[in-house]
C-alpha atoms as a PDB file:
ATOM      1  CA  PRO A   1       0.056   0.115   0.108  1.00  0.00           C
ATOM      2  CA  ARG A   2       1.089   3.840  -0.520  1.00  0.00           C
ATOM      3  CA  GLY A   3       0.734   4.396   3.086  1.00  0.00           C
ATOM      4  CA  LEU A   4       4.007   2.442   3.501  1.00  0.00           C
ATOM      5  CA  LEU A   5       5.953   5.108   1.178  1.00  0.00           C
ATOM      6  CA  PHE A   6       5.295   7.925   4.051  1.00  0.00           C
ATOM      7  CA  PRO A   7       6.805   6.437   7.635  1.00  0.00           C
ATOM      8  CA  PRO A   8      10.325   5.553   6.022  1.00  0.00           C
ATOM      9  CA  HIS A   9      10.850   9.039   4.854  1.00  0.00           C
ATOM     10  CA  GLN A  10       9.098  10.540   8.152  1.00  0.00           C
ATOM     11  CA  LEU A  11      11.790   8.966   9.710  1.00  0.00           C
ATOM     12  CA  ALA A  12      14.368  10.238   7.638  1.00  0.00           C
ATOM     13  CA  LEU A  13      13.648  13.732   7.927  1.00  0.00           C
ATOM     14  CA  ALA A  14      13.598  13.188  11.603  1.00  0.00           C
ATOM     15  CA  GLN A  15      16.725  12.336  11.991  1.00  0.00           C
ATOM     16  CA  ARG A  16      17.677  14.946   9.618  1.00  0.00           C
ATOM     17  CA  ALA A  17      16.237  17.563  11.892  1.00  0.00           C
ATOM     18  CA  GLY A  18      17.819  16.346  15.156  1.00  0.00           C
ATOM     19  CA  ASP A  19      14.101  17.267  16.639  1.00  0.00           C
ATOM     20  CA  PRO A  20      13.927  14.535  19.431  1.00  0.00           C
ATOM     21  CA  ARG A  21       9.484  15.121  19.879  1.00  0.00           C
ATOM     22  CA  ARG A  22       9.253  14.676  15.892  1.00  0.00           C
ATOM     23  CA  LEU A  23      12.103  11.201  16.332  1.00  0.00           C
ATOM     24  CA  ALA A  24      10.209   9.609  18.719  1.00  0.00           C
ATOM     25  CA  ARG A  25       7.346  10.020  17.090  1.00  0.00           C
ATOM     26  CA  ALA A  26       8.180   9.216  13.521  1.00  0.00           C
ATOM     27  CA  LEU A  27      10.242   6.082  15.550  1.00  0.00           C
ATOM     28  CA  ALA A  28       6.389   4.752  17.061  1.00  0.00           C
ATOM     29  CA  GLY A  29       4.872   5.506  13.108  1.00  0.00           C
ATOM     30  CA  GLU A  30       7.128   3.243  12.005  1.00  0.00           C
ATOM     31  CA  ALA A  31       7.124   0.481  14.689  1.00  0.00           C
ATOM     32  CA  VAL A  32       3.169   0.316  13.361  1.00  0.00           C
ATOM     33  CA  TYR A  33       3.675   0.503   9.670  1.00  0.00           C
ATOM     34  CA  GLN A  34       6.431  -2.244   9.977  1.00  0.00           C
ATOM     35  CA  ALA A  35       4.323  -4.364  12.114  1.00  0.00           C
ATOM     36  CA  SER A  36       1.759  -4.471   9.591  1.00  0.00           C
ATOM     37  CA  ARG A  37       3.926  -5.990   6.891  1.00  0.00           C
ATOM     38  CA  GLY A  38       3.312  -8.989   8.835  1.00  0.00           C
ATOM     39  CA  PRO A  39       5.150 -11.214  11.459  1.00  0.00           C
ATOM     40  CA  GLU A  40       8.604 -11.040  10.317  1.00  0.00           C
ATOM     41  CA  HIS A  41       8.561  -7.442  10.736  1.00  0.00           C
ATOM     42  CA  LEU A  42       7.617  -7.344  14.126  1.00  0.00           C
ATOM     43  CA  ALA A  43      10.758  -7.728  15.911  1.00  0.00           C
ATOM     44  CA  ARG A  44      11.634  -4.953  13.691  1.00  0.00           C
ATOM     45  CA  ALA A  45       8.720  -2.728  14.964  1.00  0.00           C
ATOM     46  CA  ASN A  46       9.565  -4.225  18.607  1.00  0.00           C
ATOM     47  CA  GLN A  47      12.681  -2.573  18.368  1.00  0.00           C
ATOM     48  CA  LEU A  48      11.640   0.832  16.664  1.00  0.00           C
ATOM     49  CA  LEU A  49       8.941   1.004  19.279  1.00  0.00           C
ATOM     50  CA  GLN A  50      11.585   0.950  22.364  1.00  0.00           C
ATOM     51  CA  ARG A  51      13.590   3.210  20.676  1.00  0.00           C
ATOM     52  CA  ALA A  52      10.728   5.796  20.769  1.00  0.00           C
ATOM     53  CA  ARG A  53      10.078   5.157  24.183  1.00  0.00           C
ATOM     54  CA  VAL A  54      14.019   5.600  25.011  1.00  0.00           C
ATOM     55  CA  ALA A  55      13.616   8.707  22.692  1.00  0.00           C
ATOM     56  CA  GLN A  56      10.293  10.605  24.489  1.00  0.00           C
ATOM     57  CA  ARG A  57      11.705   9.688  28.315  1.00  0.00           C
ATOM     58  CA  ASP A  58      13.455  12.926  28.839  1.00  0.00           C
ATOM     59  CA  LEU A  59      10.287  14.907  27.297  1.00  0.00           C
ATOM     60  CA  ASP A  60       7.366  16.468  29.169  1.00  0.00           C
ATOM     61  CA  ASP A  61       4.741  15.840  25.695  1.00  0.00           C
ATOM     62  CA  PRO A  62       1.279  13.841  26.909  1.00  0.00           C
ATOM     63  CA  GLU A  63       0.143  13.719  23.223  1.00  0.00           C
ATOM     64  CA  LEU A  64       3.775  12.494  22.351  1.00  0.00           C
ATOM     65  CA  GLY A  65       2.999   9.433  24.921  1.00  0.00           C
ATOM     66  CA  ALA A  66      -0.142   9.162  23.877  1.00  0.00           C
ATOM     67  CA  THR A  67       0.836   8.191  20.202  1.00  0.00           C
ATOM     68  CA  ILE A  68       3.910   5.653  21.617  1.00  0.00           C
ATOM     69  CA  ALA A  69       1.113   3.884  24.108  1.00  0.00           C
ATOM     70  CA  VAL A  70      -1.353   3.670  20.653  1.00  0.00           C
ATOM     71  CA  ALA A  71       1.840   2.005  18.745  1.00  0.00           C
ATOM     72  CA  ASP A  72       2.138  -0.556  21.595  1.00  0.00           C
ATOM     73  CA  GLY A  73      -1.442  -0.923  21.281  1.00  0.00           C
ATOM     74  CA  VAL A  74      -1.501  -2.274  17.833  1.00  0.00           C
ATOM     75  CA  LEU A  75       1.560  -4.222  18.484  1.00  0.00           C
ATOM     76  CA  ALA A  76      -0.485  -5.979  21.122  1.00  0.00           C
ATOM     77  CA  TYR A  77      -2.988  -6.789  18.179  1.00  0.00           C
ATOM     78  CA  ARG A  78      -0.269  -7.791  15.367  1.00  0.00           C
ATOM     79  CA  GLU A  79       1.483 -10.026  17.811  1.00  0.00           C
ATOM     80  CA  GLY A  80      -2.136 -11.812  18.161  1.00  0.00           C
ATOM     81  CA  ARG A  81      -2.719 -10.702  22.080  1.00  0.00           C
ATOM     82  CA  PHE A  82      -6.034  -9.769  20.680  1.00  0.00           C
ATOM     83  CA  HIS A  83      -7.256  -9.322  24.750  1.00  0.00           C
ATOM     84  CA  ALA A  84      -4.167  -7.700  26.143  1.00  0.00           C
ATOM     85  CA  ALA A  85      -4.542  -4.971  22.982  1.00  0.00           C
ATOM     86  CA  GLN A  86      -8.373  -4.669  23.518  1.00  0.00           C
ATOM     87  CA  ALA A  87      -8.082  -3.619  27.368  1.00  0.00           C
ATOM     88  CA  GLN A  88      -5.342  -1.640  26.461  1.00  0.00           C
ATOM     89  CA  LEU A  89      -6.685   0.385  23.511  1.00  0.00           C
ATOM     90  CA  GLU A  90     -10.138   0.717  25.109  1.00  0.00           C
ATOM     91  CA  GLN A  91      -9.120   2.222  27.947  1.00  0.00           C
ATOM     92  CA  LEU A  92      -6.073   4.645  25.719  1.00  0.00           C
ATOM     93  CA  GLU A  93      -9.620   5.839  23.442  1.00  0.00           C
ATOM     94  CA  ARG A  94     -11.269   6.822  26.738  1.00  0.00           C
ATOM     95  CA  ARG A  95      -8.293   9.062  28.069  1.00  0.00           C
ATOM     96  CA  LEU A  96      -7.385   9.903  24.325  1.00  0.00           C
ATOM     97  CA  ARG A  97     -11.194  11.370  24.174  1.00  0.00           C
ATOM     98  CA  GLU A  98     -11.611  12.804  27.746  1.00  0.00           C
ATOM     99  CA  GLN A  99      -8.120  14.354  28.161  1.00  0.00           C
ATOM    100  CA  HIS A 100      -6.495  14.952  24.922  1.00  0.00           C
ATOM    101  CA  ARG A 101      -6.686  17.700  22.007  1.00  0.00           C
ATOM    102  CA  ASP A 102      -5.525  17.000  18.508  1.00  0.00           C
ATOM    103  CA  VAL A 103      -4.903  13.440  18.562  1.00  0.00           C
ATOM    104  CA  ALA A 104      -7.536  12.428  15.437  1.00  0.00           C
ATOM    105  CA  TRP A 105      -4.889   9.757  14.304  1.00  0.00           C
ATOM    106  CA  GLU A 106      -4.543   8.335  17.111  1.00  0.00           C
ATOM    107  CA  LEU A 107      -8.249   7.965  17.937  1.00  0.00           C
ATOM    108  CA  ALA A 108      -8.862   6.347  14.824  1.00  0.00           C
ATOM    109  CA  VAL A 109      -5.886   3.912  15.194  1.00  0.00           C
ATOM    110  CA  THR A 110      -6.849   3.196  18.725  1.00  0.00           C
ATOM    111  CA  GLN A 111     -10.583   2.956  17.770  1.00  0.00           C
ATOM    112  CA  ARG A 112     -10.028   0.795  14.700  1.00  0.00           C
ATOM    113  CA  PHE A 113      -7.876  -1.542  16.149  1.00  0.00           C
ATOM    114  CA  ALA A 114      -9.660  -2.103  19.532  1.00  0.00           C
ATOM    115  CA  LEU A 115     -12.451  -3.382  17.657  1.00  0.00           C
ATOM    116  CA  MET A 116     -10.682  -5.596  15.720  1.00  0.00           C
ATOM    117  CA  ALA A 117      -9.274  -7.160  18.838  1.00  0.00           C
ATOM    118  CA  VAL A 118     -13.036  -7.654  19.812  1.00  0.00           C
ATOM    119  CA  MET A 119     -13.962  -9.030  16.659  1.00  0.00           C
ATOM    120  CA  TYR A 120     -11.290 -11.729  16.503  1.00  0.00           C
ATOM    121  CA  GLN A 121     -12.107 -12.808  19.772  1.00  0.00           C
ATOM    122  CA  GLY A 122     -15.327 -13.496  18.464  1.00  0.00           C
ATOM    123  CA  ASP A 123     -17.018 -10.591  21.597  1.00  0.00           C
ATOM    124  CA  TYR A 124     -19.735  -9.254  19.758  1.00  0.00           C
ATOM    125  CA  LEU A 125     -21.699  -7.740  22.797  1.00  0.00           C
ATOM    126  CA  ALA A 126     -18.098  -5.689  23.509  1.00  0.00           C
ATOM    127  CA  GLU A 127     -18.370  -4.605  19.575  1.00  0.00           C
ATOM    128  CA  ALA A 128     -21.735  -3.600  19.971  1.00  0.00           C
ATOM    129  CA  ARG A 129     -21.061  -1.922  23.016  1.00  0.00           C
ATOM    130  CA  LEU A 130     -17.950   0.134  21.390  1.00  0.00           C
ATOM    131  CA  LEU A 131     -19.340   0.985  18.027  1.00  0.00           C
ATOM    132  CA  PRO A 132     -22.102   3.620  18.527  1.00  0.00           C
ATOM    133  CA  THR A 133     -19.679   5.823  20.811  1.00  0.00           C
ATOM    134  CA  TYR A 134     -17.052   5.169  17.855  1.00  0.00           C
ATOM    135  CA  GLN A 135     -19.023   5.790  15.101  1.00  0.00           C
ATOM    136  CA  ALA A 136     -20.174   9.103  16.883  1.00  0.00           C
ATOM    137  CA  SER A 137     -16.249  10.096  17.700  1.00  0.00           C
ATOM    138  CA  ALA A 138     -15.729  10.115  13.991  1.00  0.00           C
ATOM    139  CA  GLN A 139     -18.639  11.800  13.203  1.00  0.00           C
ATOM    140  CA  ARG A 140     -17.468  14.184  15.225  1.00  0.00           C
ATOM    141  CA  ARG A 141     -14.281  14.791  13.748  1.00  0.00           C
ATOM    142  CA  GLY A 142     -15.578  14.691  10.011  1.00  0.00           C
ATOM    143  CA  ASP A 143     -13.409  11.414   9.479  1.00  0.00           C
ATOM    144  CA  ALA A 144     -14.391   9.419   6.858  1.00  0.00           C
ATOM    145  CA  PHE A 145     -12.133   6.772   6.724  1.00  0.00           C
ATOM    146  CA  ALA A 146     -12.606   5.779  10.459  1.00  0.00           C
ATOM    147  CA  GLY A 147     -17.031   6.277   9.313  1.00  0.00           C
ATOM    148  CA  LEU A 148     -15.644   3.749   6.328  1.00  0.00           C
ATOM    149  CA  ASN A 149     -14.328   1.253   9.276  1.00  0.00           C
ATOM    150  CA  MET A 150     -17.357   1.548  11.628  1.00  0.00           C
ATOM    151  CA  ARG A 151     -20.019   0.996   8.844  1.00  0.00           C
ATOM    152  CA  VAL A 152     -18.217  -2.368   7.692  1.00  0.00           C
ATOM    153  CA  HIS A 153     -18.499  -3.598  11.515  1.00  0.00           C
ATOM    154  CA  GLY A 154     -22.449  -2.529  11.647  1.00  0.00           C
ATOM    155  CA  VAL A 155     -22.632  -4.973   8.975  1.00  0.00           C
ATOM    156  CA  ARG A 156     -21.117  -7.659  10.579  1.00  0.00           C
ATOM    157  CA  LEU A 157     -22.983  -7.019  13.569  1.00  0.00           C
ATOM    158  CA  ALA A 158     -26.315  -6.696  11.171  1.00  0.00           C
ATOM    159  CA  LEU A 159     -25.519 -10.669  10.024  1.00  0.00           C
ATOM    160  CA  VAL A 160     -24.605 -11.580  13.480  1.00  0.00           C
ATOM    161  CA  HIS A 161     -28.190 -10.650  14.450  1.00  0.00           C
ATOM    162  CA  ASP A 162     -29.826 -12.320  11.280  1.00  0.00           C
ATOM    163  CA  ASP A 163     -30.747  -8.793  10.045  1.00  0.00           C
ATOM    164  CA  ALA A 164     -29.772  -9.738   6.473  1.00  0.00           C
ATOM    165  CA  ALA A 165     -31.947  -6.724   5.121  1.00  0.00           C
ATOM    166  CA  ARG A 166     -29.995  -3.738   7.045  1.00  0.00           C
ATOM    167  CA  ALA A 167     -26.779  -5.639   6.202  1.00  0.00           C
ATOM    168  CA  ARG A 168     -27.219  -5.334   2.753  1.00  0.00           C
ATOM    169  CA  ARG A 169     -28.588  -1.042   2.753  1.00  0.00           C
ATOM    170  CA  ASP A 170     -25.475  -0.890   4.793  1.00  0.00           C
ATOM    171  CA  LEU A 171     -23.139  -2.118   2.591  1.00  0.00           C
ATOM    172  CA  ALA A 172     -25.080  -0.721  -0.562  1.00  0.00           C
ATOM    173  CA  GLY A 173     -24.220   2.675   1.067  1.00  0.00           C
ATOM    174  CA  LEU A 174     -20.724   1.512   1.942  1.00  0.00           C
ATOM    175  CA  LEU A 175     -18.798   3.719  -0.289  1.00  0.00           C
ATOM    176  CA  ASP A 176     -21.018   6.659  -0.827  1.00  0.00           C
ATOM    177  CA  ALA A 177     -18.505   8.981   0.129  1.00  0.00           C
ATOM    178  CA  TRP A 178     -15.496   7.601  -1.977  1.00  0.00           C
ATOM    179  CA  ARG A 179     -17.022   7.958  -5.276  1.00  0.00           C
ATOM    180  CA  GLY A 180     -14.934   9.178  -7.733  1.00  0.00           C
ATOM    181  CA  ARG A 181     -12.042   8.356  -5.544  1.00  0.00           C
ATOM    182  CA  ASP A 182      -8.832   6.348  -5.659  1.00  0.00           C
ATOM    183  CA  VAL A 183      -8.776   4.991  -2.262  1.00  0.00           C
ATOM    184  CA  GLU A 184      -7.484   1.317  -2.279  1.00  0.00           C
ATOM    185  CA  MET A 185      -8.213   0.620   1.393  1.00  0.00           C
ATOM    186  CA  ALA A 186     -11.480   1.282   1.032  1.00  0.00           C
ATOM    187  CA  LYS A 187     -12.271  -0.601  -2.172  1.00  0.00           C
ATOM    188  CA  LEU A 188     -10.692  -3.614   0.212  1.00  0.00           C
ATOM    189  CA  GLN A 189     -13.405  -2.779   2.578  1.00  0.00           C
ATOM    190  CA  GLU A 190     -15.950  -2.711   0.593  1.00  0.00           C
ATOM    191  CA  LEU A 191     -14.841  -6.205  -1.077  1.00  0.00           C
ATOM    192  CA  VAL A 192     -14.373  -7.988   2.488  1.00  0.00           C
ATOM    193  CA  THR A 193     -18.069  -7.051   3.465  1.00  0.00           C
ATOM    194  CA  ARG A 194     -19.309  -8.244   0.631  1.00  0.00           C
ATOM    195  CA  SER A 195     -17.619 -11.369   0.921  1.00  0.00           C
ATOM    196  CA  TRP A 196     -19.247 -11.686   4.372  1.00  0.00           C
ATOM    197  CA  LEU A 197     -22.546 -11.311   3.073  1.00  0.00           C
ATOM    198  CA  ALA A 198     -22.009 -13.778   0.399  1.00  0.00           C
ATOM    199  CA  SER A 199     -21.091 -16.211   2.850  1.00  0.00           C
ATOM    200  CA  TYR A 200     -24.161 -15.518   5.266  1.00  0.00           C
ATOM    201  CA  ASP A 201     -26.187 -16.062   1.883  1.00  0.00           C
ATOM    202  CA  GLY A 202     -24.530 -19.173   0.161  1.00  0.00           C
ATOM    203  CA  ASN A 203     -23.724 -17.417  -2.423  1.00  0.00           C
ATOM    204  CA  LEU A 204     -20.371 -19.543  -3.716  1.00  0.00           C
ATOM    205  CA  ASP A 205     -20.447 -18.152  -7.421  1.00  0.00           C
ATOM    206  CA  GLU A 206     -19.923 -14.610  -5.789  1.00  0.00           C
ATOM    207  CA  LEU A 207     -17.668 -16.252  -3.284  1.00  0.00           C
ATOM    208  CA  ARG A 208     -15.585 -18.209  -6.260  1.00  0.00           C
ATOM    209  CA  ALA A 209     -15.054 -14.545  -7.812  1.00  0.00           C
ATOM    210  CA  LEU A 210     -14.092 -12.364  -5.374  1.00  0.00           C
ATOM    211  CA  PRO A 211     -10.688 -13.363  -4.958  1.00  0.00           C
ATOM    212  CA  ARG A 212      -9.738 -12.934  -8.571  1.00  0.00           C
ATOM    213  CA  GLU A 213     -11.745  -9.496  -7.983  1.00  0.00           C
ATOM    214  CA  LEU A 214      -9.354  -8.502  -5.046  1.00  0.00           C
ATOM    215  CA  THR A 215      -6.232  -9.924  -6.795  1.00  0.00           C
ATOM    216  CA  LEU A 216      -7.513  -7.627  -9.997  1.00  0.00           C
ATOM    217  CA  ARG A 217      -7.686  -4.488  -7.693  1.00  0.00           C
ATOM    218  CA  ARG A 218      -4.393  -5.088  -5.956  1.00  0.00           C
ATOM    219  CA  LEU A 219      -2.461  -5.014  -9.047  1.00  0.00           C
ATOM    220  CA  THR A 220      -4.370  -1.999 -10.553  1.00  0.00           C
END
């Protein structure tokens, strides 16, 4: 994904500038993106996060501390420690909303991975509990991509409750805010959500077609 091009550039610029705050933030961001590349990159991600902690140690900067805490929670998720990630990210999300300002990225990432952590534990009650608060938060921020993520979880929960009609309505409008915009992740989210509905319906023809469509999207 194109997003992976930015953290190394940010890190190089921070090292060149010699600003410890920028360096710590860039190290934390690079740790998150390295962890997203797969299990073989987790050791490198943890090394980067430890360097961020060291760089932050002598700085009185609560927002920077929050950024590093977000990275720590994401790494717990990427390592498959879903219960620990959920507890960590839920607590951090409340603190970000109630005590911090100008932390839109931190909130979006924390909410996304908290929901993913509960999803992979099969904890639908927790997912349903968190979703309305996170949706309202994304709407207040005007965060379209976070809003998309929340709607994806809404489709899943509709299917869990056997409300296929609501799931179809939500799926039909999933990309309304992204028409005419070439945003790969939004399109991938829509394909994954279609696969859930096809599985629910037992639509084998669509399920067989989706991997090819997914491959073509990733190649274009």
